[in-house]
Protein backbone atom coordinates (compact mmCIF):
# COMPACT_ATOMS: atom_id res chain seq x y z
CA MET A 1 -55.14 -32.00 78.64
CA LYS A 2 -56.68 -29.02 76.70
CA ILE A 3 -53.10 -27.86 75.90
CA MET A 4 -51.79 -30.97 74.83
CA MET A 5 -54.20 -31.15 72.23
CA LYS A 6 -53.74 -27.58 71.08
CA ASN A 7 -50.17 -28.46 70.60
CA ARG A 8 -50.94 -31.24 68.81
CA ARG A 9 -53.63 -28.97 66.24
CA THR A 10 -50.66 -26.30 65.60
CA TYR A 11 -47.55 -28.54 65.23
CA PRO A 12 -48.29 -30.08 61.56
CA GLN A 13 -49.43 -26.00 60.57
CA SER A 14 -46.04 -24.72 61.87
CA ARG A 15 -43.87 -27.45 60.23
CA ALA A 16 -45.79 -26.40 57.09
CA ARG A 17 -44.99 -22.76 57.09
CA ARG A 18 -41.43 -23.40 57.71
CA GLY A 19 -41.15 -25.98 54.64
CA VAL A 20 -42.80 -23.08 52.78
CA ILE A 21 -40.31 -20.47 54.22
CA ILE A 22 -37.52 -22.88 53.21
CA ILE A 23 -38.70 -23.37 49.80
CA LEU A 24 -38.96 -19.34 49.36
CA THR A 25 -35.84 -18.75 50.85
CA LEU A 26 -33.97 -21.37 48.50
CA TRP A 27 -35.98 -19.72 45.49
CA LEU A 28 -34.59 -16.31 46.72
CA VAL A 29 -31.32 -17.37 46.99
CA THR A 30 -31.54 -19.01 43.50
CA VAL A 31 -32.56 -15.68 42.00
CA LEU A 32 -29.97 -13.61 43.79
CA ALA A 33 -27.14 -15.83 42.70
CA LEU A 34 -28.52 -15.97 39.05
CA ILE A 35 -28.80 -11.80 39.38
CA ALA A 36 -25.34 -12.05 40.89
CA TYR A 37 -24.02 -14.32 37.88
CA SER A 38 -25.46 -12.31 35.45
CA LEU A 39 -24.24 -9.07 36.88
CA ALA A 40 -20.48 -10.61 37.03
CA TYR A 41 -21.04 -11.93 33.50
CA GLU A 42 -22.20 -8.25 32.27
CA MET A 43 -19.16 -6.97 33.90
CA ARG A 44 -16.71 -9.44 32.44
CA ILE A 45 -18.17 -8.29 29.06
CA GLU A 46 -18.12 -4.88 29.87
CA ALA A 47 -14.48 -5.17 31.39
CA ARG A 48 -13.46 -6.76 27.96
CA LEU A 49 -15.43 -4.36 25.96
CA THR A 50 -13.55 -1.65 27.70
CA LYS A 51 -10.14 -3.20 27.34
CA LEU A 52 -10.73 -4.20 23.91
CA LYS A 53 -11.67 -0.39 22.95
CA LYS A 54 -8.78 0.82 25.12
CA ASP A 55 -6.23 -1.72 22.85
CA GLN A 56 -8.28 -0.10 19.41
CA LEU A 57 -7.02 3.17 20.97
CA LEU A 58 -3.40 2.33 21.84
CA ALA A 59 -3.33 0.30 18.30
CA TYR A 60 -4.34 3.65 16.52
CA GLN A 61 -2.22 5.84 18.49
CA LEU A 62 0.95 3.11 17.86
CA ALA A 63 -0.11 3.38 14.15
CA LYS A 64 0.11 7.29 13.85
CA ALA A 65 3.25 6.72 15.74
CA GLY A 66 4.38 4.65 12.66
CA VAL A 67 3.45 7.21 10.22
CA ALA A 68 5.61 9.89 12.35
CA LYS A 69 8.59 7.38 12.58
CA ALA A 70 8.44 6.97 8.42
CA ILE A 71 7.98 10.94 8.04
CA CYS A 72 10.80 11.68 10.41
CA ASP A 73 12.97 9.42 8.39
CA LEU A 74 11.72 10.84 5.18
CA LYS A 75 12.80 14.16 6.41
CA ASN A 76 16.11 12.93 7.99
CA ASP A 77 17.17 11.46 4.43
CA MET A 78 16.93 15.08 2.85
CA LEU A 79 18.96 16.61 5.87
CA MET A 80 21.46 14.06 5.50
CA GLU A 81 22.04 14.41 1.97
CA ARG A 82 21.93 18.44 2.14
CA GLN A 83 24.64 18.29 5.23
CA GLU A 84 26.83 15.92 3.32
CA LYS A 85 26.55 17.72 0.20
CA SER A 86 26.12 14.69 -1.41
CA GLN A 87 24.26 13.85 -4.74
CA ILE A 88 20.34 14.08 -4.06
CA LEU A 89 18.50 10.62 -4.71
CA ASP A 90 16.67 8.39 -3.32
CA ALA A 91 17.59 4.71 -3.13
CA GLU A 92 17.29 1.44 -1.28
CA GLY A 93 20.31 2.62 1.16
CA ASP A 94 18.00 5.34 2.41
CA VAL A 95 17.30 5.72 5.81
CA TRP A 96 13.34 5.39 5.33
CA LYS A 97 14.13 2.63 3.24
CA ASN A 98 15.82 0.46 6.14
CA PRO A 99 13.24 -1.86 7.77
CA GLU A 100 15.50 -2.56 11.12
CA ASP A 101 14.26 0.13 12.88
CA LYS A 102 10.82 -0.12 11.50
CA VAL A 103 9.90 -3.99 12.46
CA GLU A 104 7.82 -4.58 15.71
CA ILE A 105 8.99 -1.42 17.70
CA GLU A 106 7.91 -1.92 21.09
CA MET A 107 6.28 1.14 22.65
CA GLY A 108 4.35 1.13 25.79
CA ALA A 109 2.16 -1.42 26.26
CA GLY A 110 2.20 -2.46 22.62
CA GLU A 111 4.41 -2.16 19.06
CA PHE A 112 4.27 -1.08 15.86
CA THR A 113 5.38 -2.34 12.38
CA VAL A 114 5.63 0.57 9.14
CA ARG A 115 6.54 0.17 5.67
CA VAL A 116 7.73 2.86 3.18
CA ILE A 117 6.89 2.44 -0.10
CA ASP A 118 8.54 4.52 -2.99
CA GLU A 119 5.69 5.85 -5.24
CA GLU A 120 8.24 6.92 -7.71
CA SER A 121 8.91 2.93 -8.20
CA LEU A 122 5.59 2.06 -9.41
CA ILE A 123 3.74 2.74 -12.85
CA ASN A 124 1.31 5.71 -12.97
CA ILE A 125 -1.73 4.37 -14.92
CA ASN A 126 -2.51 8.08 -15.50
CA THR A 127 0.25 8.89 -17.42
CA VAL A 128 1.99 5.79 -18.61
CA ASN A 129 2.24 4.30 -21.94
CA PRO A 130 -0.19 1.55 -23.09
CA THR A 131 2.61 -0.38 -24.38
CA VAL A 132 3.98 -0.52 -21.05
CA ILE A 133 1.19 -1.92 -19.35
CA SER A 134 0.46 -4.16 -21.83
CA LYS A 135 4.23 -5.83 -21.22
CA ALA A 136 3.79 -5.72 -17.51
CA ILE A 137 0.61 -7.71 -18.20
CA GLU A 138 2.80 -9.96 -20.21
CA TYR A 139 5.31 -10.43 -17.02
CA PHE A 140 2.31 -11.73 -14.80
CA VAL A 141 0.79 -13.89 -17.73
CA GLY A 142 4.14 -15.61 -18.63
CA ASP A 143 4.85 -17.99 -21.30
CA ASP A 144 0.99 -17.66 -22.50
CA ALA A 145 1.66 -14.28 -23.74
CA LYS A 146 3.66 -15.80 -26.56
CA ASP A 147 0.57 -17.14 -28.25
CA GLU A 148 -0.34 -14.73 -31.06
CA LYS A 149 -3.79 -14.30 -30.31
CA GLU A 150 -3.09 -13.63 -26.43
CA ALA A 151 -0.41 -11.40 -27.26
CA ALA A 152 -3.15 -9.58 -29.40
CA ARG A 153 -5.52 -9.33 -26.87
CA ILE A 154 -3.10 -8.33 -24.01
CA GLU A 155 -2.18 -5.16 -26.78
CA ARG A 156 -5.85 -4.38 -26.68
CA ILE A 157 -5.97 -4.33 -22.78
CA GLY A 158 -3.32 -1.61 -22.68
CA LEU A 159 -4.91 0.53 -25.38
CA ALA A 160 -8.17 0.10 -23.34
CA VAL A 161 -6.53 1.79 -20.16
CA LEU A 162 -5.82 4.77 -22.64
CA ASP A 163 -9.41 5.13 -23.91
CA TRP A 164 -10.61 4.83 -20.35
CA ARG A 165 -8.56 7.66 -19.11
CA ASP A 166 -8.61 9.89 -21.91
CA ALA A 167 -11.60 12.46 -22.52
CA ASP A 168 -12.17 11.69 -25.85
CA ASP A 169 -14.72 9.01 -27.25
CA VAL A 170 -11.98 7.91 -30.42
CA PRO A 171 -10.92 4.33 -29.71
CA ALA A 172 -7.04 4.23 -29.90
CA ASN A 173 -5.83 2.29 -32.98
CA SER A 174 -8.89 1.28 -34.07
CA GLY A 175 -11.03 1.74 -36.89
CA GLU A 176 -14.15 1.85 -35.08
CA ALA A 177 -15.82 5.26 -35.28
CA THR A 178 -16.88 5.40 -31.41
CA GLU A 179 -15.33 3.89 -28.07
CA ARG A 180 -18.63 2.16 -27.55
CA GLU A 181 -18.88 0.44 -31.14
CA LEU A 182 -15.51 -0.92 -30.47
CA TYR A 183 -16.31 -2.39 -26.95
CA ASP A 184 -19.43 -3.65 -27.58
CA LYS A 185 -17.88 -5.68 -30.60
CA LEU A 186 -14.83 -7.03 -28.71
CA ILE A 187 -17.36 -7.86 -25.51
CA ALA A 188 -19.95 -9.69 -28.03
CA GLU A 189 -16.91 -11.61 -29.49
CA ASP A 190 -15.64 -12.82 -26.21
CA GLU A 191 -19.03 -13.80 -25.35
CA GLY A 192 -19.41 -15.83 -28.50
CA ILE A 193 -22.45 -13.61 -29.51
CA GLU A 194 -22.96 -12.47 -33.26
CA TYR A 195 -22.26 -8.51 -32.84
CA ASP A 196 -24.86 -5.82 -34.62
CA LYS A 197 -25.67 -2.16 -33.93
CA ASN A 198 -28.48 -2.94 -31.59
CA TYR A 199 -26.38 -4.95 -29.40
CA GLU A 200 -25.45 -3.23 -25.95
CA SER A 201 -22.56 -4.77 -23.82
CA GLY A 202 -23.25 -1.94 -20.91
CA TYR A 203 -19.64 -1.34 -20.84
CA LYS A 204 -19.15 2.15 -20.22
CA LEU A 205 -15.85 3.86 -20.14
CA LYS A 206 -14.97 6.69 -17.64
CA ASN A 207 -13.10 9.22 -20.05
CA ASP A 208 -11.45 10.86 -17.22
CA VAL A 209 -8.25 9.84 -15.16
CA PHE A 210 -8.08 7.04 -12.59
CA THR A 211 -8.58 7.71 -9.04
CA SER A 212 -7.66 4.59 -7.52
CA VAL A 213 -5.41 1.37 -8.92
CA GLU A 214 -8.39 -0.65 -8.04
CA GLU A 215 -10.44 1.20 -10.78
CA LEU A 216 -8.51 -0.84 -13.40
CA LEU A 217 -10.91 -3.81 -12.49
CA SER A 218 -13.44 -1.85 -14.51
CA VAL A 219 -11.46 -1.84 -17.54
CA TYR A 220 -11.98 -4.01 -20.45
CA GLY A 221 -9.78 -7.39 -20.65
CA ILE A 222 -8.46 -6.57 -16.72
CA GLU A 223 -9.10 -9.89 -15.22
CA PRO A 224 -8.60 -10.93 -11.41
CA GLU A 225 -5.62 -13.13 -12.43
CA PHE A 226 -3.51 -9.82 -13.82
CA PHE A 227 -4.70 -7.52 -11.12
CA TYR A 228 -3.93 -10.01 -8.37
CA GLY A 229 -1.56 -12.17 -9.78
CA PHE A 230 -4.14 -15.28 -9.22
CA THR A 231 -3.32 -18.09 -11.30
CA PRO A 232 -6.18 -19.77 -13.28
CA GLU A 233 -6.06 -22.47 -11.01
CA GLU A 234 -6.85 -20.32 -7.84
CA LYS A 235 -9.58 -18.82 -9.76
CA LYS A 236 -12.08 -21.75 -8.75
CA GLU A 237 -14.26 -20.51 -6.12
CA GLN A 238 -13.61 -22.12 -2.99
CA GLN A 239 -9.54 -21.04 -3.42
CA TYR A 240 -10.37 -17.47 -4.93
CA LEU A 241 -12.54 -16.84 -1.80
CA GLU A 242 -9.80 -18.45 0.61
CA ARG A 243 -7.27 -16.40 -0.88
CA MET A 244 -9.39 -12.97 -0.62
CA GLN A 245 -10.10 -13.62 2.52
CA GLY A 246 -6.14 -14.67 3.41
CA GLU A 247 -5.19 -11.18 1.83
CA ARG A 248 -5.27 -9.25 5.30
CA ARG A 249 -3.49 -11.87 6.70
CA LEU A 250 -0.87 -12.25 3.88
CA ASN A 251 -0.07 -8.56 4.32
CA ARG A 252 0.53 -8.90 7.51
CA HIS A 253 2.84 -11.67 7.28
CA ILE A 254 4.80 -9.98 4.77
CA MET A 255 5.35 -7.30 7.45
CA ARG A 256 6.39 -9.15 10.14
CA SER A 257 8.33 -12.02 8.44
CA HIS A 258 11.88 -10.96 9.58
CA THR A 259 12.42 -13.78 12.19
CA SER A 260 16.13 -14.21 11.95
CA GLU A 261 16.57 -11.56 9.09
CA LYS A 262 14.31 -8.57 9.50
CA SER A 263 15.27 -7.42 6.02
CA LYS A 264 13.54 -10.42 4.74
CA TRP A 265 10.04 -8.75 3.96
CA GLN A 266 11.91 -5.99 1.13
CA ASP A 267 12.93 -8.81 -0.82
CA TRP A 268 9.46 -9.44 -1.93
CA GLU A 269 8.42 -9.41 -5.22
CA PRO A 270 5.00 -7.75 -6.61
CA GLU A 271 2.20 -10.52 -7.17
CA GLY A 272 -0.29 -8.87 -9.56
CA LEU A 273 -0.72 -5.39 -11.42
CA ARG A 274 -2.06 -3.59 -8.40
CA ASP A 275 1.40 -4.13 -6.80
CA ILE A 276 3.52 -2.03 -9.44
CA LEU A 277 0.66 0.63 -10.12
CA THR A 278 -0.28 3.86 -8.58
CA VAL A 279 -2.21 7.16 -9.16
CA VAL A 280 -0.32 9.29 -7.18
CA SER A 281 3.63 10.10 -8.58
CA THR A 282 5.30 12.76 -10.69
CA GLY A 283 4.87 9.55 -13.17
CA GLU A 284 8.68 9.38 -13.70
CA ILE A 285 10.11 5.67 -12.24
CA ASN A 286 12.69 5.70 -10.12
CA VAL A 287 15.50 3.15 -11.41
CA ASN A 288 17.07 3.15 -7.83
CA THR A 289 13.84 1.56 -6.28
CA ALA A 290 11.51 -0.03 -9.18
CA GLY A 291 11.41 -3.60 -8.78
CA GLU A 292 11.87 -6.48 -11.41
CA ALA A 293 8.61 -6.43 -12.70
CA VAL A 294 8.20 -2.44 -13.28
CA LEU A 295 11.90 -2.58 -14.88
CA THR A 296 10.93 -5.67 -17.32
CA ALA A 297 7.87 -3.86 -18.31
CA ILE A 298 10.02 -0.77 -19.35
CA LEU A 299 12.73 -2.63 -21.11
CA ALA A 300 10.14 -4.87 -22.85
CA ALA A 301 8.10 -1.91 -24.21
CA ALA A 302 11.51 -0.21 -25.41
CA ASN A 303 12.27 -3.49 -27.60
CA ILE A 304 15.19 -4.52 -25.43
CA ASN A 305 14.72 -8.28 -25.89
CA ASP A 306 18.72 -9.12 -26.28
CA PRO A 307 19.57 -10.68 -23.65
CA ASN A 308 15.98 -11.59 -21.65
CA PRO A 309 14.08 -8.36 -20.49
CA GLU A 310 13.68 -9.95 -17.30
CA GLU A 311 17.68 -11.00 -17.21
CA VAL A 312 18.19 -7.26 -17.91
CA ALA A 313 16.04 -6.03 -15.22
CA GLN A 314 17.72 -8.26 -12.53
CA ALA A 315 21.18 -7.03 -13.88
CA ILE A 316 20.17 -3.36 -12.78
CA ILE A 317 18.85 -4.42 -9.32
CA GLU A 318 22.07 -6.69 -8.60
CA TYR A 319 24.32 -3.62 -10.12
CA ARG A 320 22.68 -1.02 -7.88
CA ARG A 321 22.77 -3.32 -4.83
CA ASP A 322 26.39 -3.66 -5.61
CA GLY A 323 25.85 -7.87 -5.25
CA LYS A 324 24.72 -7.23 -1.40
CA LYS A 325 21.47 -9.38 -0.66
CA ASP A 326 20.37 -7.03 2.75
CA LYS A 327 21.74 -3.82 3.94
CA TYR A 328 21.99 -2.17 1.12
CA ASP A 329 23.87 1.22 0.74
CA ASN A 330 23.84 3.71 -1.98
CA ASP A 331 27.39 3.59 -3.46
CA LYS A 332 26.74 1.99 -6.51
CA ALA A 333 23.41 3.73 -6.88
CA PHE A 334 22.38 5.51 -10.19
CA ARG A 335 23.33 9.52 -9.55
CA ASN A 336 20.75 10.02 -13.04
CA PRO A 337 18.98 7.61 -15.53
CA MET A 338 22.06 7.68 -18.01
CA GLU A 339 24.05 5.69 -15.52
CA LEU A 340 22.24 2.46 -16.39
CA SER A 341 24.29 2.16 -19.69
CA GLN A 342 27.19 1.00 -17.17
CA VAL A 343 24.74 -2.29 -16.43
CA GLU A 344 25.51 -5.11 -18.66
CA GLY A 345 23.03 -5.67 -21.56
CA LEU A 346 22.66 -1.79 -21.79
CA SER A 347 24.09 1.24 -23.46
CA GLY A 348 23.64 4.66 -24.39
CA PRO A 349 21.38 4.27 -27.13
CA LEU A 350 19.01 1.45 -25.29
CA VAL A 351 19.10 3.57 -22.20
CA GLN A 352 17.87 6.58 -24.14
CA GLN A 353 14.88 3.87 -26.24
CA MET A 354 13.65 3.58 -22.47
CA MET A 355 13.49 6.90 -21.62
CA ALA A 356 11.49 7.91 -25.07
CA MET A 357 9.14 5.04 -23.80
CA GLN A 358 9.17 5.71 -19.93
CA ARG A 359 10.57 9.05 -18.14
CA LEU A 360 13.05 7.53 -15.57
CA THR A 361 14.58 9.81 -12.30
CA THR A 362 16.70 9.04 -9.28
CA VAL A 363 14.61 11.14 -6.94
CA SER A 364 11.52 10.44 -5.45
CA THR A 365 8.82 12.38 -4.20
CA HIS A 366 5.67 10.62 -3.50
CA PHE A 367 5.89 7.92 -0.77
CA ARG A 368 3.38 5.51 0.60
CA ILE A 369 3.51 4.83 4.30
CA ILE A 370 1.72 1.78 5.67
CA ALA A 371 2.02 1.28 9.63
CA GLU A 372 0.29 -1.18 11.78
CA GLY A 373 -0.35 -0.61 15.27
CA LYS A 374 -0.68 -3.67 17.65
CA SER A 375 -2.10 -3.89 21.50
CA GLY A 376 -2.82 -7.40 22.55
CA ARG A 377 -5.60 -8.56 20.00
CA ALA A 378 -6.13 -5.13 18.69
CA ARG A 379 -4.84 -4.08 15.29
CA ARG A 380 -4.90 -1.02 13.40
CA THR A 381 -3.74 -0.02 9.86
CA ILE A 382 -3.05 3.47 8.73
CA GLU A 383 -2.13 4.14 5.14
CA ALA A 384 -0.99 7.63 4.30
CA THR A 385 0.29 8.90 0.82
CA VAL A 386 2.70 11.60 1.21
CA ARG A 387 4.57 14.09 -1.25
CA ARG A 388 8.07 15.03 0.34
CA THR A 389 9.83 18.58 -0.87
CA TRP A 390 11.99 21.36 -0.15
CA GLU A 391 9.87 24.18 1.11
CA THR A 392 11.37 28.00 1.91
CA PHE A 393 9.78 30.18 4.92
CA THR A 394 10.61 33.67 5.62
CA VAL A 395 11.94 34.41 9.12
CA GLU A 396 11.99 37.58 10.85
CA LYS A 397 15.29 38.95 12.85
CA ASP A 398 12.76 38.92 16.00
CA ASP A 399 11.03 35.87 15.37
CA LYS A 400 10.63 34.25 19.40
CA ASP A 401 9.74 31.24 17.57
CA PHE A 402 12.93 30.72 15.80
CA ASP A 403 14.85 27.54 16.13
CA PRO A 404 18.88 28.28 16.34
CA ARG A 405 19.58 24.47 15.15
CA THR A 406 18.15 25.68 12.00
CA ARG A 407 20.66 28.61 11.35
CA ALA A 408 22.77 26.77 9.34
CA ARG A 409 20.21 26.47 6.55
CA VAL A 410 19.30 30.05 7.08
CA LYS A 411 20.25 32.44 4.11
CA ARG A 412 19.29 35.79 2.84
CA ILE A 413 17.53 35.74 -0.45
CA ASN A 414 19.84 38.62 -2.10
CA GLU A 415 23.04 37.82 -0.27
CA ASP A 416 24.55 40.90 -1.60
CA ASP A 417 22.33 42.91 0.72
CA ASP A 418 22.36 42.75 4.32
CA ASN A 419 18.87 44.21 4.55
CA SER A 420 17.46 41.43 2.57
CA PRO A 421 14.64 39.05 4.21
CA LEU A 422 16.26 35.85 6.06
CA VAL A 423 14.31 32.34 4.95
CA VAL A 424 15.00 28.88 6.08
CA GLU A 425 15.17 25.55 3.87
CA SER A 426 12.89 22.91 5.34
CA PRO A 427 12.12 19.46 4.27
CA THR A 428 8.27 19.22 4.42
CA VAL A 429 6.41 16.23 4.28
CA ARG A 430 2.83 16.75 2.94
CA ILE A 431 -0.24 14.17 3.69
CA VAL A 432 -1.86 13.84 0.27
CA ARG A 433 -4.04 10.99 0.95
CA TRP A 434 -5.06 9.01 4.44
CA ARG A 435 -7.02 5.64 4.83
CA GLU A 436 -7.50 3.87 7.99
CA ARG A 437 -8.71 0.44 8.71
């Protein structure tokens, strides 16, 4: 009887303990599950970050491969011209310009796309005649430039470019004593303020060369629609922001828009001043690679208005391409600038007028390489500006590093002297500017 009573007293306590144990176990399992989930989540994040870093590194290396590909093409172009003993020139039919082997090239787990832009096909704002800049602005402004007041303002903008880069404080083609007085007066007039000598607009000129094309936005009168190619309607705040945010996507689209016709992007025309200007070139314009906007600006600056400068520019492009829409060759490329006289609408004297306004050439030295590497979702872009030249190196007879494949280009400094040092000529591409993004 005592035993039975003892069991009855202890049974509720034992059941309570088991309930507590179950609850603690459930809590412990819940905590462990949360910890496991947290660890798994962190591991997934780490794995994704690791993959992203790996893809970014691979995309960067692919972009570098694109740059190497373009440099190789630039060198091969010079070698082929030497071996074929053909006229030295750069045109749209050259290997470095061919887009067929430069768009979405697969390599390993990713791919790269590379584009080569001839800097000599662009206007160098550090050497260009101000009239050419004014005519380039008129090209993008269109019919509005025909207004007399607007035309005078655009002409003044061209002179403002000259005032910005020259070292003196004397304004070009103006009766004002100093550049500061002139631009304070012009800015006050634009803002509808009555000018007096105490007025200060805050506008300061650099009086030195341009170091980047974007610096042009600081010059008096250069509006975003001139520089970027935006229309007045697109300057509305929302559309302007959308356009700015879409710039990078637009550039990618241009480089990849080859679907059924891989060279489609090659016919893309500039949208604004930034697309036809450079600060890295010899200052000469290559008539074999210059676009319609550049050629039109030069023709208009040289007062070649009959027929219309745009029509003549289009005729120049049509002539050098020999009527082809893609896969150009150099059969009709200009061997020297004076051959422009063969184009309908031009003559020898008119070509000389162009050359008096702007130095012309058919050989290019500076190029801009834009290479994009892609791996997974990672994108890396490298923009490199290079200078390509022939360089001469001395070769020792017992040089173990001497490459016999270059023997065809080896010669003696003095061919009449057998003891004269051996030299080898080689195409060399050197990096001038390098930017990554």
